[in-house]
N, C-alpha and C. Protein backbone atom coordinates (compact mmCIF):
# COMPACT_ATOMS: atom_id res chain seq x y z
N MET A 1 36.90 18.03 33.81
CA MET A 1 35.79 18.28 32.90
C MET A 1 36.16 17.88 31.47
N ASN A 2 37.40 18.10 31.10
CA ASN A 2 37.84 17.80 29.74
C ASN A 2 37.78 16.30 29.46
N GLY A 3 38.10 15.49 30.44
CA GLY A 3 38.07 14.04 30.27
C GLY A 3 36.65 13.52 30.11
N LEU A 4 35.70 14.14 30.84
CA LEU A 4 34.30 13.72 30.72
C LEU A 4 33.74 14.04 29.33
N LEU A 5 34.13 15.20 28.81
CA LEU A 5 33.66 15.58 27.48
C LEU A 5 34.20 14.64 26.41
N GLU A 6 35.47 14.26 26.53
CA GLU A 6 36.06 13.31 25.59
C GLU A 6 35.39 11.95 25.69
N ASP A 7 35.11 11.51 26.92
CA ASP A 7 34.42 10.23 27.10
C ASP A 7 33.01 10.28 26.51
N GLY A 8 32.34 11.42 26.68
CA GLY A 8 30.99 11.58 26.13
C GLY A 8 30.99 11.51 24.61
N PHE A 9 31.95 12.22 24.00
CA PHE A 9 32.03 12.17 22.53
C PHE A 9 32.40 10.78 22.04
N GLY A 10 33.28 10.11 22.78
CA GLY A 10 33.66 8.74 22.40
C GLY A 10 32.47 7.80 22.45
N LEU A 11 31.66 7.91 23.52
CA LEU A 11 30.45 7.07 23.62
C LEU A 11 29.44 7.43 22.53
N MET A 12 29.34 8.73 22.21
CA MET A 12 28.40 9.15 21.18
C MET A 12 28.79 8.56 19.82
N VAL A 13 30.07 8.64 19.49
CA VAL A 13 30.54 8.09 18.22
C VAL A 13 30.38 6.58 18.19
N LEU A 14 30.67 5.92 19.31
CA LEU A 14 30.51 4.47 19.38
C LEU A 14 29.03 4.08 19.21
N GLY A 15 28.13 4.79 19.87
CA GLY A 15 26.70 4.49 19.75
C GLY A 15 26.19 4.73 18.34
N MET A 16 26.60 5.86 17.74
CA MET A 16 26.17 6.14 16.37
C MET A 16 26.74 5.12 15.40
N GLY A 17 27.95 4.65 15.66
CA GLY A 17 28.55 3.62 14.81
C GLY A 17 27.77 2.32 14.87
N PHE A 18 27.36 1.92 16.10
CA PHE A 18 26.58 0.70 16.23
C PHE A 18 25.22 0.82 15.55
N VAL A 19 24.58 1.97 15.68
CA VAL A 19 23.28 2.16 15.02
C VAL A 19 23.45 2.11 13.50
N PHE A 20 24.48 2.78 12.98
CA PHE A 20 24.73 2.75 11.55
C PHE A 20 24.99 1.33 11.06
N LEU A 21 25.81 0.59 11.80
CA LEU A 21 26.11 -0.80 11.43
C LEU A 21 24.85 -1.65 11.45
N PHE A 22 24.01 -1.46 12.48
CA PHE A 22 22.76 -2.21 12.56
C PHE A 22 21.85 -1.90 11.37
N LEU A 23 21.75 -0.63 10.99
CA LEU A 23 20.90 -0.27 9.86
C LEU A 23 21.43 -0.84 8.55
N VAL A 24 22.73 -0.85 8.37
CA VAL A 24 23.31 -1.44 7.15
C VAL A 24 23.02 -2.93 7.10
N ILE A 25 23.19 -3.62 8.24
CA ILE A 25 22.88 -5.06 8.29
C ILE A 25 21.40 -5.29 8.01
N LEU A 26 20.53 -4.43 8.55
CA LEU A 26 19.10 -4.56 8.32
C LEU A 26 18.75 -4.39 6.84
N ILE A 27 19.39 -3.45 6.17
CA ILE A 27 19.14 -3.24 4.73
C ILE A 27 19.54 -4.48 3.94
N PHE A 28 20.73 -5.02 4.22
CA PHE A 28 21.16 -6.21 3.50
C PHE A 28 20.28 -7.41 3.80
N ALA A 29 19.84 -7.55 5.04
CA ALA A 29 18.98 -8.69 5.41
C ALA A 29 17.64 -8.61 4.71
N THR A 30 17.02 -7.43 4.66
CA THR A 30 15.72 -7.32 4.00
C THR A 30 15.83 -7.51 2.49
N SER A 31 16.90 -7.00 1.88
CA SER A 31 17.05 -7.21 0.44
C SER A 31 17.31 -8.69 0.13
N TYR A 32 18.08 -9.36 0.98
CA TYR A 32 18.32 -10.80 0.79
C TYR A 32 17.02 -11.59 0.95
N MET A 33 16.23 -11.26 1.97
CA MET A 33 14.96 -11.97 2.17
C MET A 33 14.01 -11.73 1.00
N SER A 34 14.02 -10.52 0.45
CA SER A 34 13.17 -10.22 -0.70
C SER A 34 13.57 -11.07 -1.90
N ARG A 35 14.88 -11.15 -2.16
CA ARG A 35 15.34 -11.97 -3.28
C ARG A 35 15.04 -13.45 -3.05
N LEU A 36 15.19 -13.90 -1.82
CA LEU A 36 14.93 -15.30 -1.49
C LEU A 36 13.45 -15.64 -1.68
N LEU A 37 12.57 -14.77 -1.22
CA LEU A 37 11.14 -15.02 -1.38
C LEU A 37 10.71 -14.96 -2.85
N ASN A 38 11.29 -14.04 -3.62
CA ASN A 38 10.98 -13.99 -5.05
C ASN A 38 11.49 -15.24 -5.77
N HIS A 39 12.58 -15.81 -5.28
CA HIS A 39 13.11 -17.03 -5.88
C HIS A 39 12.23 -18.23 -5.52
N LEU A 40 11.80 -18.31 -4.26
CA LEU A 40 10.99 -19.45 -3.82
C LEU A 40 9.55 -19.37 -4.31
N PHE A 41 9.00 -18.17 -4.35
CA PHE A 41 7.60 -17.98 -4.76
C PHE A 41 7.54 -16.94 -5.88
N PRO A 42 7.88 -17.33 -7.11
CA PRO A 42 7.86 -16.35 -8.21
C PRO A 42 6.43 -15.91 -8.53
N GLU A 43 6.33 -14.70 -9.04
CA GLU A 43 5.02 -14.18 -9.41
C GLU A 43 4.55 -14.87 -10.69
N LEU A 44 3.28 -15.26 -10.70
CA LEU A 44 2.71 -15.91 -11.86
C LEU A 44 2.31 -14.86 -12.89
N PRO A 45 2.44 -15.18 -14.18
CA PRO A 45 2.00 -14.22 -15.19
C PRO A 45 0.49 -14.05 -15.13
N PRO A 46 -0.01 -12.87 -15.48
CA PRO A 46 -1.46 -12.65 -15.42
C PRO A 46 -2.19 -13.56 -16.40
N VAL A 47 -3.35 -14.03 -15.98
CA VAL A 47 -4.16 -14.93 -16.80
C VAL A 47 -5.07 -14.08 -17.69
N ALA A 48 -5.08 -14.40 -18.98
CA ALA A 48 -5.92 -13.66 -19.91
C ALA A 48 -7.38 -14.08 -19.74
N VAL A 49 -8.26 -13.10 -19.71
CA VAL A 49 -9.69 -13.37 -19.57
C VAL A 49 -10.27 -13.62 -20.95
N PRO A 50 -11.04 -14.69 -21.13
CA PRO A 50 -11.65 -14.93 -22.43
C PRO A 50 -12.54 -13.75 -22.84
N SER A 51 -12.57 -13.47 -24.13
CA SER A 51 -13.30 -12.30 -24.60
C SER A 51 -14.81 -12.42 -24.39
N SER A 52 -15.33 -13.65 -24.35
CA SER A 52 -16.77 -13.81 -24.15
C SER A 52 -17.19 -13.40 -22.74
N LEU A 53 -16.29 -13.53 -21.77
CA LEU A 53 -16.61 -13.16 -20.40
C LEU A 53 -16.35 -11.69 -20.12
N SER A 54 -15.51 -11.06 -20.90
CA SER A 54 -15.12 -9.70 -20.60
C SER A 54 -16.04 -8.65 -21.20
N LYS A 55 -17.09 -9.05 -21.91
CA LYS A 55 -17.99 -8.07 -22.51
C LYS A 55 -18.82 -7.41 -21.42
N ALA A 56 -18.88 -6.11 -21.47
CA ALA A 56 -19.67 -5.34 -20.50
C ALA A 56 -21.10 -5.21 -21.02
N PRO A 57 -22.05 -5.06 -20.10
CA PRO A 57 -23.43 -4.85 -20.55
C PRO A 57 -23.56 -3.51 -21.27
N ASN A 58 -24.68 -3.34 -21.93
CA ASN A 58 -24.92 -2.12 -22.69
C ASN A 58 -24.80 -0.92 -21.76
N LYS A 59 -23.90 0.00 -22.10
CA LYS A 59 -23.61 1.12 -21.22
C LYS A 59 -24.78 2.08 -21.08
N SER A 60 -25.52 2.31 -22.15
CA SER A 60 -26.65 3.25 -22.06
C SER A 60 -27.75 2.69 -21.18
N ALA A 61 -27.97 1.36 -21.22
CA ALA A 61 -29.01 0.77 -20.38
C ALA A 61 -28.60 0.85 -18.91
N VAL A 62 -27.33 0.62 -18.63
CA VAL A 62 -26.85 0.70 -17.26
C VAL A 62 -26.93 2.14 -16.77
N ASP A 63 -26.53 3.08 -17.61
CA ASP A 63 -26.57 4.48 -17.22
C ASP A 63 -28.00 4.94 -16.95
N ALA A 64 -28.93 4.53 -17.79
CA ALA A 64 -30.32 4.94 -17.59
C ALA A 64 -30.88 4.34 -16.31
N GLN A 65 -30.59 3.08 -16.06
CA GLN A 65 -31.07 2.44 -14.84
C GLN A 65 -30.41 3.07 -13.61
N LEU A 66 -29.13 3.33 -13.68
CA LEU A 66 -28.42 3.93 -12.56
C LEU A 66 -28.93 5.34 -12.29
N THR A 67 -29.20 6.09 -13.33
CA THR A 67 -29.75 7.43 -13.17
C THR A 67 -31.11 7.38 -12.50
N ALA A 68 -31.94 6.43 -12.89
CA ALA A 68 -33.27 6.30 -12.29
C ALA A 68 -33.16 5.93 -10.81
N VAL A 69 -32.27 5.04 -10.47
CA VAL A 69 -32.10 4.63 -9.07
C VAL A 69 -31.59 5.78 -8.23
N ILE A 70 -30.61 6.51 -8.73
CA ILE A 70 -30.07 7.65 -7.98
C ILE A 70 -31.12 8.73 -7.80
N THR A 71 -31.88 9.00 -8.85
CA THR A 71 -32.94 10.01 -8.76
C THR A 71 -33.98 9.61 -7.73
N ALA A 72 -34.38 8.36 -7.71
CA ALA A 72 -35.37 7.89 -6.74
C ALA A 72 -34.81 7.98 -5.32
N ALA A 73 -33.55 7.66 -5.13
CA ALA A 73 -32.95 7.73 -3.80
C ALA A 73 -32.87 9.16 -3.30
N VAL A 74 -32.49 10.09 -4.16
CA VAL A 74 -32.43 11.50 -3.77
C VAL A 74 -33.82 12.02 -3.45
N HIS A 75 -34.80 11.66 -4.26
CA HIS A 75 -36.18 12.09 -4.03
C HIS A 75 -36.69 11.56 -2.68
N GLN A 76 -36.43 10.30 -2.39
CA GLN A 76 -36.87 9.71 -1.13
C GLN A 76 -36.15 10.37 0.05
N HIS A 77 -34.88 10.66 -0.10
CA HIS A 77 -34.12 11.30 0.98
C HIS A 77 -34.67 12.70 1.26
N ARG A 78 -34.97 13.45 0.22
CA ARG A 78 -35.51 14.81 0.42
C ARG A 78 -36.89 14.77 1.05
N ASN A 79 -37.71 13.80 0.66
CA ASN A 79 -39.05 13.69 1.25
C ASN A 79 -38.97 13.28 2.71
N ASN A 80 -38.05 12.42 3.08
CA ASN A 80 -37.90 12.00 4.47
C ASN A 80 -37.35 13.13 5.33
N LYS A 81 -36.56 14.01 4.77
CA LYS A 81 -35.97 15.11 5.52
C LYS A 81 -37.02 16.17 5.87
N LYS A 82 -38.01 16.37 5.00
CA LYS A 82 -39.04 17.40 5.23
C LYS A 82 -39.96 17.00 6.37
N SER A 83 -40.24 15.73 6.53
CA SER A 83 -41.21 15.32 7.56
C SER A 83 -40.57 15.05 8.89
């Protein structure tokens, strides 16, 4: 019985060692691939949007229109639910 227990512990340590080694290799491989891809395909700097295109419409007009649309939708939903 003593020999079987020693063999079991030996196999357990060997298996855990292989898993640990595989995970270490996997970490190095993924970090290397990440650096390689960043080297081959660098990120482009963000493009500035011209100020004439970035102007938003009048906020009060949008809010008033949006409020009217939401109110009409809620009113229609409540009327459809009653019938």
